[in-house]
Amino acid sequence: MTRTDVLDATIGGVKVAGTADGPVPVVLVNADGRGSVLPIFIAFEEALSIARGVDAEGVGRPLTHDLTLDIVEELGGRLDHVVIRDVEDGTYFADLHLQTPRGEAVVDARPSDSLALAARTDAPIRVAASVFESGRRDRDAFDDLRDIREVAQ
């Protein structure tokens, strides 16, 4: 994937959508200042972890995403950036791009985990342009949803 095939992105919010099966968290990914977002439905634990990372909120003992970063850093690496690279049958795929003492390493990861790690490190987030285009929705469709922080209290 070349640099022109990806869009710079940010976490635009972590909300909770009401569905027939109950409440489901959704992370909203903004790309290049577009008016639309890429909604990715995720689990509650990952949603809370992303929100904690965005808020730079410590929780005392490290949770899984904090622990993962601690391990990478203790081994001399750092998270360089994440890429949401593909979607198949509604399932999104991402890569963690790490800088290590041996060079660059790319690790397959779920987008929710990738975004939780990026939120903790301010690592750049990128999304494949084709993935964004295939899943994008109008941002205002999510305006009435509650923030995960409100629901988790």
N, C-alpha and C. Protein backbone atom coordinates (compact mmCIF):
# COMPACT_ATOMS: atom_id res chain seq x y z
N MET A 1 0.86 -1.17 0.00
CA MET A 1 0.00 0.00 0.00
C MET A 1 0.91 1.23 0.00
N THR A 2 0.69 2.11 -0.95
CA THR A 2 1.50 3.32 -1.01
C THR A 2 0.88 4.41 -0.14
N ARG A 3 1.66 5.41 0.14
CA ARG A 3 1.19 6.52 0.99
C ARG A 3 -0.03 7.22 0.40
N THR A 4 -0.15 7.22 -0.92
CA THR A 4 -1.30 7.88 -1.55
C THR A 4 -2.58 7.05 -1.44
N ASP A 5 -2.44 5.79 -1.07
CA ASP A 5 -3.61 4.92 -0.92
C ASP A 5 -4.23 5.00 0.47
N VAL A 6 -3.60 5.78 1.36
CA VAL A 6 -4.10 5.87 2.73
C VAL A 6 -4.43 7.31 3.08
N LEU A 7 -5.35 7.45 4.02
CA LEU A 7 -5.76 8.76 4.50
C LEU A 7 -5.30 8.91 5.95
N ASP A 8 -4.87 10.11 6.32
CA ASP A 8 -4.59 10.38 7.72
C ASP A 8 -5.91 10.40 8.47
N ALA A 9 -5.92 9.83 9.65
CA ALA A 9 -7.17 9.68 10.39
C ALA A 9 -6.98 10.02 11.87
N THR A 10 -8.09 10.22 12.54
CA THR A 10 -8.12 10.45 13.98
C THR A 10 -9.31 9.72 14.58
N ILE A 11 -9.29 9.58 15.88
CA ILE A 11 -10.43 9.01 16.59
C ILE A 11 -11.42 10.14 16.82
N GLY A 12 -12.60 10.02 16.21
CA GLY A 12 -13.59 11.07 16.29
C GLY A 12 -14.59 10.90 17.42
N GLY A 13 -14.47 9.84 18.17
CA GLY A 13 -15.37 9.60 19.29
C GLY A 13 -15.60 8.12 19.49
N VAL A 14 -16.04 7.80 20.70
CA VAL A 14 -16.42 6.43 21.02
C VAL A 14 -17.83 6.51 21.59
N LYS A 15 -18.78 5.98 20.87
CA LYS A 15 -20.19 6.11 21.21
C LYS A 15 -20.81 4.75 21.45
N VAL A 16 -22.06 4.74 21.85
CA VAL A 16 -22.80 3.50 22.05
C VAL A 16 -24.10 3.57 21.25
N ALA A 17 -24.26 2.61 20.36
CA ALA A 17 -25.46 2.54 19.51
C ALA A 17 -26.43 1.53 20.10
N GLY A 18 -27.70 1.86 20.09
CA GLY A 18 -28.73 0.91 20.49
C GLY A 18 -29.10 0.04 19.30
N THR A 19 -29.04 -1.26 19.50
CA THR A 19 -29.41 -2.19 18.43
C THR A 19 -30.47 -3.15 18.97
N ALA A 20 -31.00 -3.98 18.10
CA ALA A 20 -31.98 -4.99 18.52
C ALA A 20 -31.38 -5.96 19.52
N ASP A 21 -30.05 -6.14 19.46
CA ASP A 21 -29.36 -7.04 20.38
C ASP A 21 -28.86 -6.33 21.64
N GLY A 22 -29.17 -5.05 21.77
CA GLY A 22 -28.73 -4.29 22.93
C GLY A 22 -27.70 -3.25 22.53
N PRO A 23 -27.10 -2.58 23.53
CA PRO A 23 -26.14 -1.52 23.23
C PRO A 23 -24.83 -2.09 22.66
N VAL A 24 -24.30 -1.41 21.63
CA VAL A 24 -23.05 -1.83 20.99
C VAL A 24 -22.16 -0.60 20.82
N PRO A 25 -20.93 -0.66 21.33
CA PRO A 25 -20.01 0.47 21.15
C PRO A 25 -19.56 0.59 19.70
N VAL A 26 -19.31 1.84 19.30
CA VAL A 26 -18.81 2.13 17.95
C VAL A 26 -17.75 3.22 18.07
N VAL A 27 -16.60 2.98 17.46
CA VAL A 27 -15.57 4.01 17.40
C VAL A 27 -15.72 4.70 16.04
N LEU A 28 -15.68 6.01 16.07
CA LEU A 28 -15.83 6.80 14.85
C LEU A 28 -14.45 7.28 14.41
N VAL A 29 -14.07 6.91 13.21
CA VAL A 29 -12.77 7.28 12.67
C VAL A 29 -12.97 8.40 11.65
N ASN A 30 -12.35 9.55 11.93
CA ASN A 30 -12.36 10.68 11.00
C ASN A 30 -11.19 10.52 10.05
N ALA A 31 -11.35 10.95 8.81
CA ALA A 31 -10.24 10.89 7.87
C ALA A 31 -10.11 12.18 7.09
N ASP A 32 -8.92 12.77 7.14
CA ASP A 32 -8.57 13.95 6.33
C ASP A 32 -9.62 15.05 6.35
N GLY A 33 -10.23 15.29 7.50
CA GLY A 33 -11.17 16.39 7.63
C GLY A 33 -12.45 16.24 6.84
N ARG A 34 -12.76 15.03 6.42
CA ARG A 34 -14.01 14.82 5.66
C ARG A 34 -15.20 14.91 6.61
N GLY A 35 -16.34 15.21 6.07
CA GLY A 35 -17.54 15.34 6.88
C GLY A 35 -18.12 14.00 7.31
N SER A 36 -17.62 12.93 6.74
CA SER A 36 -18.13 11.61 7.10
C SER A 36 -17.13 10.89 8.01
N VAL A 37 -17.59 9.78 8.58
CA VAL A 37 -16.76 8.99 9.48
C VAL A 37 -16.83 7.52 9.07
N LEU A 38 -15.85 6.77 9.51
CA LEU A 38 -15.87 5.32 9.35
C LEU A 38 -16.25 4.74 10.70
N PRO A 39 -17.48 4.20 10.83
CA PRO A 39 -17.88 3.60 12.11
C PRO A 39 -17.40 2.15 12.18
N ILE A 40 -16.74 1.81 13.28
CA ILE A 40 -16.30 0.43 13.49
C ILE A 40 -16.89 -0.03 14.81
N PHE A 41 -17.75 -1.03 14.75
CA PHE A 41 -18.40 -1.56 15.95
C PHE A 41 -17.44 -2.49 16.67
N ILE A 42 -17.32 -2.28 17.99
CA ILE A 42 -16.31 -2.98 18.78
C ILE A 42 -16.91 -3.45 20.11
N ALA A 43 -16.11 -4.14 20.91
CA ALA A 43 -16.55 -4.61 22.22
C ALA A 43 -16.41 -3.50 23.27
N PHE A 44 -17.14 -3.65 24.39
CA PHE A 44 -17.13 -2.63 25.45
C PHE A 44 -15.74 -2.42 26.04
N GLU A 45 -15.01 -3.49 26.33
CA GLU A 45 -13.69 -3.32 26.95
C GLU A 45 -12.75 -2.51 26.08
N GLU A 46 -12.74 -2.80 24.77
CA GLU A 46 -11.89 -2.06 23.86
C GLU A 46 -12.35 -0.62 23.73
N ALA A 47 -13.68 -0.41 23.73
CA ALA A 47 -14.22 0.95 23.65
C ALA A 47 -13.78 1.78 24.85
N LEU A 48 -13.87 1.19 26.03
CA LEU A 48 -13.43 1.90 27.24
C LEU A 48 -11.93 2.15 27.21
N SER A 49 -11.18 1.20 26.69
CA SER A 49 -9.73 1.36 26.62
C SER A 49 -9.35 2.49 25.65
N ILE A 50 -10.04 2.58 24.53
CA ILE A 50 -9.78 3.68 23.59
C ILE A 50 -10.09 5.01 24.26
N ALA A 51 -11.24 5.10 24.93
CA ALA A 51 -11.62 6.35 25.61
C ALA A 51 -10.60 6.72 26.68
N ARG A 52 -10.12 5.74 27.44
CA ARG A 52 -9.09 6.03 28.46
C ARG A 52 -7.81 6.54 27.81
N GLY A 53 -7.45 5.96 26.67
CA GLY A 53 -6.25 6.41 25.96
C GLY A 53 -6.41 7.82 25.43
N VAL A 54 -7.56 8.13 24.86
CA VAL A 54 -7.83 9.48 24.35
C VAL A 54 -7.77 10.49 25.49
N ASP A 55 -8.32 10.10 26.65
CA ASP A 55 -8.34 11.00 27.82
C ASP A 55 -7.03 11.01 28.58
N ALA A 56 -6.08 10.13 28.18
CA ALA A 56 -4.81 9.97 28.90
C ALA A 56 -5.09 9.67 30.37
N GLU A 57 -6.06 8.81 30.59
CA GLU A 57 -6.49 8.46 31.94
C GLU A 57 -5.76 7.22 32.43
N GLY A 58 -5.04 7.37 33.50
CA GLY A 58 -4.38 6.23 34.11
C GLY A 58 -5.35 5.44 34.96
N VAL A 59 -5.11 4.14 35.08
CA VAL A 59 -6.01 3.31 35.89
C VAL A 59 -5.24 2.57 36.98
N GLY A 60 -4.04 3.05 37.30
CA GLY A 60 -3.24 2.37 38.32
C GLY A 60 -2.44 1.24 37.69
N ARG A 61 -2.83 0.04 37.96
CA ARG A 61 -2.16 -1.13 37.39
C ARG A 61 -2.42 -1.18 35.89
N PRO A 62 -1.45 -1.61 35.11
CA PRO A 62 -1.65 -1.59 33.65
C PRO A 62 -2.70 -2.59 33.18
N LEU A 63 -3.55 -2.11 32.29
CA LEU A 63 -4.50 -2.99 31.61
C LEU A 63 -3.80 -3.55 30.37
N THR A 64 -4.47 -4.40 29.63
CA THR A 64 -3.85 -5.12 28.52
C THR A 64 -3.14 -4.20 27.53
N HIS A 65 -3.78 -3.11 27.12
CA HIS A 65 -3.15 -2.22 26.14
C HIS A 65 -1.95 -1.50 26.74
N ASP A 66 -2.04 -1.12 28.00
CA ASP A 66 -0.91 -0.48 28.67
C ASP A 66 0.25 -1.48 28.79
N LEU A 67 -0.08 -2.70 29.15
CA LEU A 67 0.92 -3.74 29.29
C LEU A 67 1.61 -4.02 27.95
N THR A 68 0.83 -4.09 26.89
CA THR A 68 1.40 -4.32 25.56
C THR A 68 2.42 -3.24 25.21
N LEU A 69 2.07 -1.99 25.44
CA LEU A 69 3.00 -0.90 25.17
C LEU A 69 4.24 -0.98 26.06
N ASP A 70 4.03 -1.32 27.32
CA ASP A 70 5.19 -1.46 28.23
C ASP A 70 6.15 -2.53 27.71
N ILE A 71 5.62 -3.64 27.23
CA ILE A 71 6.47 -4.72 26.70
C ILE A 71 7.24 -4.25 25.47
N VAL A 72 6.53 -3.61 24.53
CA VAL A 72 7.19 -3.12 23.31
C VAL A 72 8.31 -2.16 23.67
N GLU A 73 8.03 -1.23 24.59
CA GLU A 73 9.03 -0.23 24.97
C GLU A 73 10.19 -0.85 25.73
N GLU A 74 9.92 -1.82 26.61
CA GLU A 74 11.00 -2.48 27.35
C GLU A 74 11.93 -3.25 26.42
N LEU A 75 11.40 -3.70 25.29
CA LEU A 75 12.21 -4.42 24.31
C LEU A 75 12.87 -3.47 23.31
N GLY A 76 12.76 -2.16 23.56
CA GLY A 76 13.43 -1.18 22.72
C GLY A 76 12.65 -0.72 21.51
N GLY A 77 11.36 -1.03 21.45
CA GLY A 77 10.55 -0.66 20.30
C GLY A 77 9.61 0.49 20.61
N ARG A 78 8.93 0.92 19.58
CA ARG A 78 7.88 1.93 19.74
C ARG A 78 6.86 1.77 18.62
N LEU A 79 5.65 2.17 18.91
CA LEU A 79 4.59 2.15 17.90
C LEU A 79 4.78 3.35 16.99
N ASP A 80 5.01 3.09 15.70
CA ASP A 80 5.24 4.16 14.73
C ASP A 80 3.91 4.68 14.19
N HIS A 81 3.04 3.80 13.74
CA HIS A 81 1.71 4.18 13.27
C HIS A 81 0.85 2.93 13.12
N VAL A 82 -0.46 3.16 12.95
CA VAL A 82 -1.38 2.05 12.70
C VAL A 82 -2.11 2.32 11.39
N VAL A 83 -2.49 1.25 10.71
CA VAL A 83 -3.22 1.36 9.45
C VAL A 83 -4.43 0.42 9.50
N ILE A 84 -5.60 0.99 9.31
CA ILE A 84 -6.80 0.17 9.10
C ILE A 84 -6.78 -0.13 7.60
N ARG A 85 -6.44 -1.37 7.26
CA ARG A 85 -6.05 -1.68 5.88
C ARG A 85 -7.08 -2.40 5.04
N ASP A 86 -8.04 -3.08 5.66
CA ASP A 86 -8.94 -3.90 4.86
C ASP A 86 -10.25 -4.11 5.60
N VAL A 87 -11.26 -4.52 4.84
CA VAL A 87 -12.54 -4.93 5.41
C VAL A 87 -13.05 -6.09 4.57
N GLU A 88 -13.50 -7.13 5.25
CA GLU A 88 -14.08 -8.29 4.59
C GLU A 88 -15.34 -8.70 5.34
N ASP A 89 -16.45 -8.71 4.65
CA ASP A 89 -17.73 -9.09 5.25
C ASP A 89 -18.01 -8.35 6.55
N GLY A 90 -17.71 -7.05 6.57
CA GLY A 90 -17.98 -6.22 7.75
C GLY A 90 -16.94 -6.30 8.84
N THR A 91 -15.90 -7.12 8.67
CA THR A 91 -14.83 -7.23 9.66
C THR A 91 -13.63 -6.42 9.17
N TYR A 92 -13.17 -5.50 10.01
CA TYR A 92 -12.04 -4.65 9.65
C TYR A 92 -10.73 -5.29 10.11
N PHE A 93 -9.67 -4.99 9.38
CA PHE A 93 -8.33 -5.50 9.68
C PHE A 93 -7.36 -4.33 9.76
N ALA A 94 -6.41 -4.43 10.68
CA ALA A 94 -5.45 -3.35 10.86
C ALA A 94 -4.05 -3.92 11.05
N ASP A 95 -3.07 -3.06 10.91
CA ASP A 95 -1.67 -3.41 11.15
C ASP A 95 -1.06 -2.41 12.11
N LEU A 96 -0.26 -2.93 13.02
CA LEU A 96 0.59 -2.10 13.87
C LEU A 96 1.95 -2.02 13.19
N HIS A 97 2.44 -0.82 12.98
CA HIS A 97 3.78 -0.63 12.41
C HIS A 97 4.69 -0.22 13.57
N LEU A 98 5.62 -1.09 13.89
CA LEU A 98 6.51 -0.88 15.03
C LEU A 98 7.93 -0.61 14.55
N GLN A 99 8.62 0.25 15.27
CA GLN A 99 10.06 0.42 15.08
C GLN A 99 10.72 -0.38 16.19
N THR A 100 11.63 -1.27 15.82
CA THR A 100 12.31 -2.12 16.80
C THR A 100 13.81 -1.99 16.59
N PRO A 101 14.61 -2.49 17.52
CA PRO A 101 16.06 -2.46 17.32
C PRO A 101 16.50 -3.21 16.06
N ARG A 102 15.67 -4.12 15.57
CA ARG A 102 16.00 -4.86 14.34
C ARG A 102 15.40 -4.24 13.09
N GLY A 103 14.70 -3.13 13.21
CA GLY A 103 14.08 -2.48 12.07
C GLY A 103 12.57 -2.42 12.23
N GLU A 104 11.87 -2.19 11.11
CA GLU A 104 10.42 -2.09 11.16
C GLU A 104 9.79 -3.48 11.22
N ALA A 105 8.74 -3.60 12.02
CA ALA A 105 7.95 -4.82 12.10
C ALA A 105 6.49 -4.43 11.91
N VAL A 106 5.76 -5.26 11.19
CA VAL A 106 4.33 -5.04 10.98
C VAL A 106 3.59 -6.22 11.59
N VAL A 107 2.63 -5.90 12.47
CA VAL A 107 1.90 -6.93 13.20
C VAL A 107 0.41 -6.77 12.92
N ASP A 108 -0.23 -7.85 12.49
CA ASP A 108 -1.67 -7.87 12.27
C ASP A 108 -2.38 -7.66 13.61
N ALA A 109 -3.40 -6.81 13.63
CA ALA A 109 -4.12 -6.53 14.88
C ALA A 109 -5.55 -6.12 14.56
N ARG A 110 -6.41 -6.24 15.55
CA ARG A 110 -7.77 -5.75 15.39
C ARG A 110 -7.73 -4.22 15.40
N PRO A 111 -8.60 -3.57 14.65
CA PRO A 111 -8.62 -2.10 14.68
C PRO A 111 -8.85 -1.55 16.09
N SER A 112 -9.70 -2.19 16.86
CA SER A 112 -9.96 -1.68 18.21
C SER A 112 -8.70 -1.68 19.06
N ASP A 113 -7.91 -2.74 18.99
CA ASP A 113 -6.65 -2.78 19.75
C ASP A 113 -5.66 -1.77 19.19
N SER A 114 -5.60 -1.67 17.87
CA SER A 114 -4.70 -0.72 17.23
C SER A 114 -5.02 0.71 17.65
N LEU A 115 -6.30 1.05 17.66
CA LEU A 115 -6.71 2.40 18.04
C LEU A 115 -6.46 2.67 19.52
N ALA A 116 -6.64 1.65 20.37
CA ALA A 116 -6.36 1.82 21.80
C ALA A 116 -4.87 2.10 22.02
N LEU A 117 -4.01 1.42 21.27
CA LEU A 117 -2.57 1.66 21.39
C LEU A 117 -2.19 3.02 20.83
N ALA A 118 -2.75 3.39 19.69
CA ALA A 118 -2.46 4.69 19.10
C ALA A 118 -2.91 5.83 20.01
N ALA A 119 -4.06 5.65 20.67
CA ALA A 119 -4.57 6.69 21.57
C ALA A 119 -3.62 6.93 22.74
N ARG A 120 -2.90 5.90 23.17
CA ARG A 120 -1.98 6.03 24.30
C ARG A 120 -0.64 6.65 23.90
N THR A 121 -0.30 6.59 22.63
CA THR A 121 1.03 7.03 22.19
C THR A 121 0.99 8.22 21.25
N ASP A 122 -0.18 8.64 20.86
CA ASP A 122 -0.33 9.68 19.83
C ASP A 122 0.31 9.26 18.51
N ALA A 123 0.42 7.96 18.29
CA ALA A 123 0.94 7.46 17.01
C ALA A 123 -0.07 7.80 15.91
N PRO A 124 0.42 8.13 14.73
CA PRO A 124 -0.50 8.44 13.63
C PRO A 124 -1.41 7.25 13.30
N ILE A 125 -2.62 7.59 12.91
CA ILE A 125 -3.61 6.59 12.48
C ILE A 125 -3.85 6.84 10.99
N ARG A 126 -3.86 5.77 10.25
CA ARG A 126 -4.14 5.87 8.82
C ARG A 126 -5.20 4.84 8.46
N VAL A 127 -5.95 5.14 7.42
CA VAL A 127 -6.98 4.20 6.94
C VAL A 127 -6.86 4.14 5.42
N ALA A 128 -6.92 2.93 4.89
CA ALA A 128 -6.89 2.77 3.44
C ALA A 128 -8.06 3.54 2.85
N ALA A 129 -7.78 4.30 1.80
CA ALA A 129 -8.82 5.13 1.18
C ALA A 129 -10.01 4.27 0.73
N SER A 130 -9.74 3.10 0.18
CA SER A 130 -10.83 2.23 -0.29
C SER A 130 -11.67 1.72 0.88
N VAL A 131 -11.05 1.47 2.02
CA VAL A 131 -11.78 1.01 3.21
C VAL A 131 -12.67 2.13 3.72
N PHE A 132 -12.12 3.34 3.79
CA PHE A 132 -12.91 4.47 4.26
C PHE A 132 -14.11 4.71 3.33
N GLU A 133 -13.85 4.70 2.04
CA GLU A 133 -14.93 4.95 1.08
C GLU A 133 -16.02 3.89 1.16
N SER A 134 -15.64 2.64 1.37
CA SER A 134 -16.64 1.57 1.39
C SER A 134 -17.50 1.57 2.65
N GLY A 135 -16.98 2.13 3.75
CA GLY A 135 -17.74 2.08 5.01
C GLY A 135 -18.17 3.41 5.56
N ARG A 136 -17.85 4.48 4.89
CA ARG A 136 -18.12 5.81 5.47
C ARG A 136 -19.60 6.09 5.59
N ARG A 137 -19.92 6.85 6.63
CA ARG A 137 -21.30 7.27 6.91
C ARG A 137 -21.28 8.75 7.27
N ASP A 138 -22.43 9.39 7.15
CA ASP A 138 -22.54 10.79 7.57
C ASP A 138 -22.33 10.89 9.07
N ARG A 139 -21.52 11.85 9.47
CA ARG A 139 -21.22 12.02 10.89
C ARG A 139 -22.48 12.29 11.70
N ASP A 140 -23.39 13.07 11.15
CA ASP A 140 -24.58 13.44 11.92
C ASP A 140 -25.47 12.25 12.25
N ALA A 141 -25.28 11.11 11.60
CA ALA A 141 -26.04 9.91 11.93
C ALA A 141 -25.67 9.39 13.32
N PHE A 142 -24.54 9.85 13.87
CA PHE A 142 -24.06 9.37 15.16
C PHE A 142 -24.16 10.44 16.26
N ASP A 143 -24.66 11.62 15.91
CA ASP A 143 -24.72 12.73 16.87
C ASP A 143 -25.58 12.43 18.08
N ASP A 144 -26.65 11.66 17.92
CA ASP A 144 -27.56 11.40 19.03
C ASP A 144 -27.12 10.24 19.92
N LEU A 145 -26.06 9.55 19.55
CA LEU A 145 -25.59 8.42 20.37
C LEU A 145 -24.87 8.94 21.60
N ARG A 146 -24.96 8.17 22.67
CA ARG A 146 -24.29 8.55 23.92
C ARG A 146 -22.82 8.19 23.86
N ASP A 147 -22.01 8.99 24.50
CA ASP A 147 -20.58 8.73 24.62
C ASP A 147 -20.38 7.52 25.54
N ILE A 148 -19.39 6.72 25.25
CA ILE A 148 -19.11 5.52 26.07
C ILE A 148 -18.87 5.88 27.53
N ARG A 149 -18.31 7.05 27.78
CA ARG A 149 -18.02 7.48 29.16
C ARG A 149 -19.30 7.66 29.96
N GLU A 150 -20.36 8.13 29.30
CA GLU A 150 -21.65 8.30 29.96
C GLU A 150 -22.29 6.96 30.29
N VAL A 151 -22.17 6.02 29.40
CA VAL A 151 -22.80 4.71 29.56
C VAL A 151 -22.06 3.88 30.61
N ALA A 152 -20.76 4.04 30.69
CA ALA A 152 -19.93 3.20 31.59
C ALA A 152 -19.97 3.66 33.03
N GLN A 153 -20.57 4.79 33.31
CA GLN A 153 -20.58 5.30 34.70
C GLN A 153 -21.50 4.53 35.60
